Amino acid sequence: MVYRLSWSRKTFIVFNYAFLAALSLLCIFPFVHILALSFSSSSAAAAGAVSLWPVDFTLASYENVLGKQEFLSSFVVSVKRVLLGTSFNMLLTVLAAYPLSKEAGQFRLRTAYVWFFVLTMLFSGGLIPLYMTVKTTGMMDSIWSLVIPAAVPVYNVVLLLNFFRGLPKELEESAMIDGANPFVILRRIYLPLSVPALATLTLFCVVSHWNSWFDGLIYMNDPSHYPLQSFLQTVVIQRDMRFLTPQDIDMLKLVSDRTNAAAQIFVATFPILIVYPFLQKYFVHGIVLGSVKE
């Protein structure tokens, strides 16, 4: 029996594909424009002649960006932050989600601890107490001020504990009969089965640390310690004159603020564009399984 689509169904499918295609183009257009702007000359950018294709193609903006010591040092700071921050996030997320995924009979204070975590999502002490805590603990102007305050992402803990609760309990029971302790069960059973969820949460952590800029501005007194996004904020949004050198002034003759900023934005976005496709295949699967359970 051959199933034939009705006329209304065909119309809906065509309209749906057309709408999604148009929406995708609208999302891609700004990025393509920035890329074209970064490869264009300063005069073309100033005249507003650049749309989706470079005008007067030049690599001067990228030579300027990649030759800046401040940009390279902030890039290194961001890489360190992502590596340290993501490692801390995933380690503490797993260690918190595993016991909280147990039933109340196995972990008596489970409900109290869950509410303790959830309340931190609803209420916070505010920016000033957080700043005073970071300052009092001696983390100001160090990489740890960007890592420790956000070491336990509660939203990720909730997603992962729900994912753990969806795994068959018989696997854990059989391992306990064989004499496995909780750490062995976590390492040998739960983690291998949770690759989609772990990959998704890793992507969340990487993007969050890479894109964060505000904490770098308030915790770093020395601009040379800024992470990349904080440095870009001072360049793209509010020009920081401390970064201008005589060489920068000469370079401004070849590149404009717009082309220079576009090149920096693209270089800052490029690492995420490289990482994202490798984790995308786990994204939908991991989030759905980690969010629909009780």
Foldseek 3Di string as FASTA:
>chain_A
DDDDDDPVRVVVVVVVVVVVVVVVCVVCQVLQQLVQLLQEWAVCVVVVVGGRHHDNGDNLLVCVQVPAPLLVLLQVLLVVLLVQQLVLALVVLLVLLLVLLDDCVVPVCSVVVLVVLVVCVVDDPDDVVLLVVCVVVPNFQHSVLLRVVCSYDSVLSLLLSLLQNPDDPVQVVVVVVVPDDPVCCCVVPVVVVQVLQSLQVSLVSSVCSLQDAPSQVSRRPDSSSGHNNVVLCCLLPNPDCVSDDPVNVVSCVTHPSSSNSSSSVCVSCVVSVVPCVVSVVSNVVSRVSRPPGD
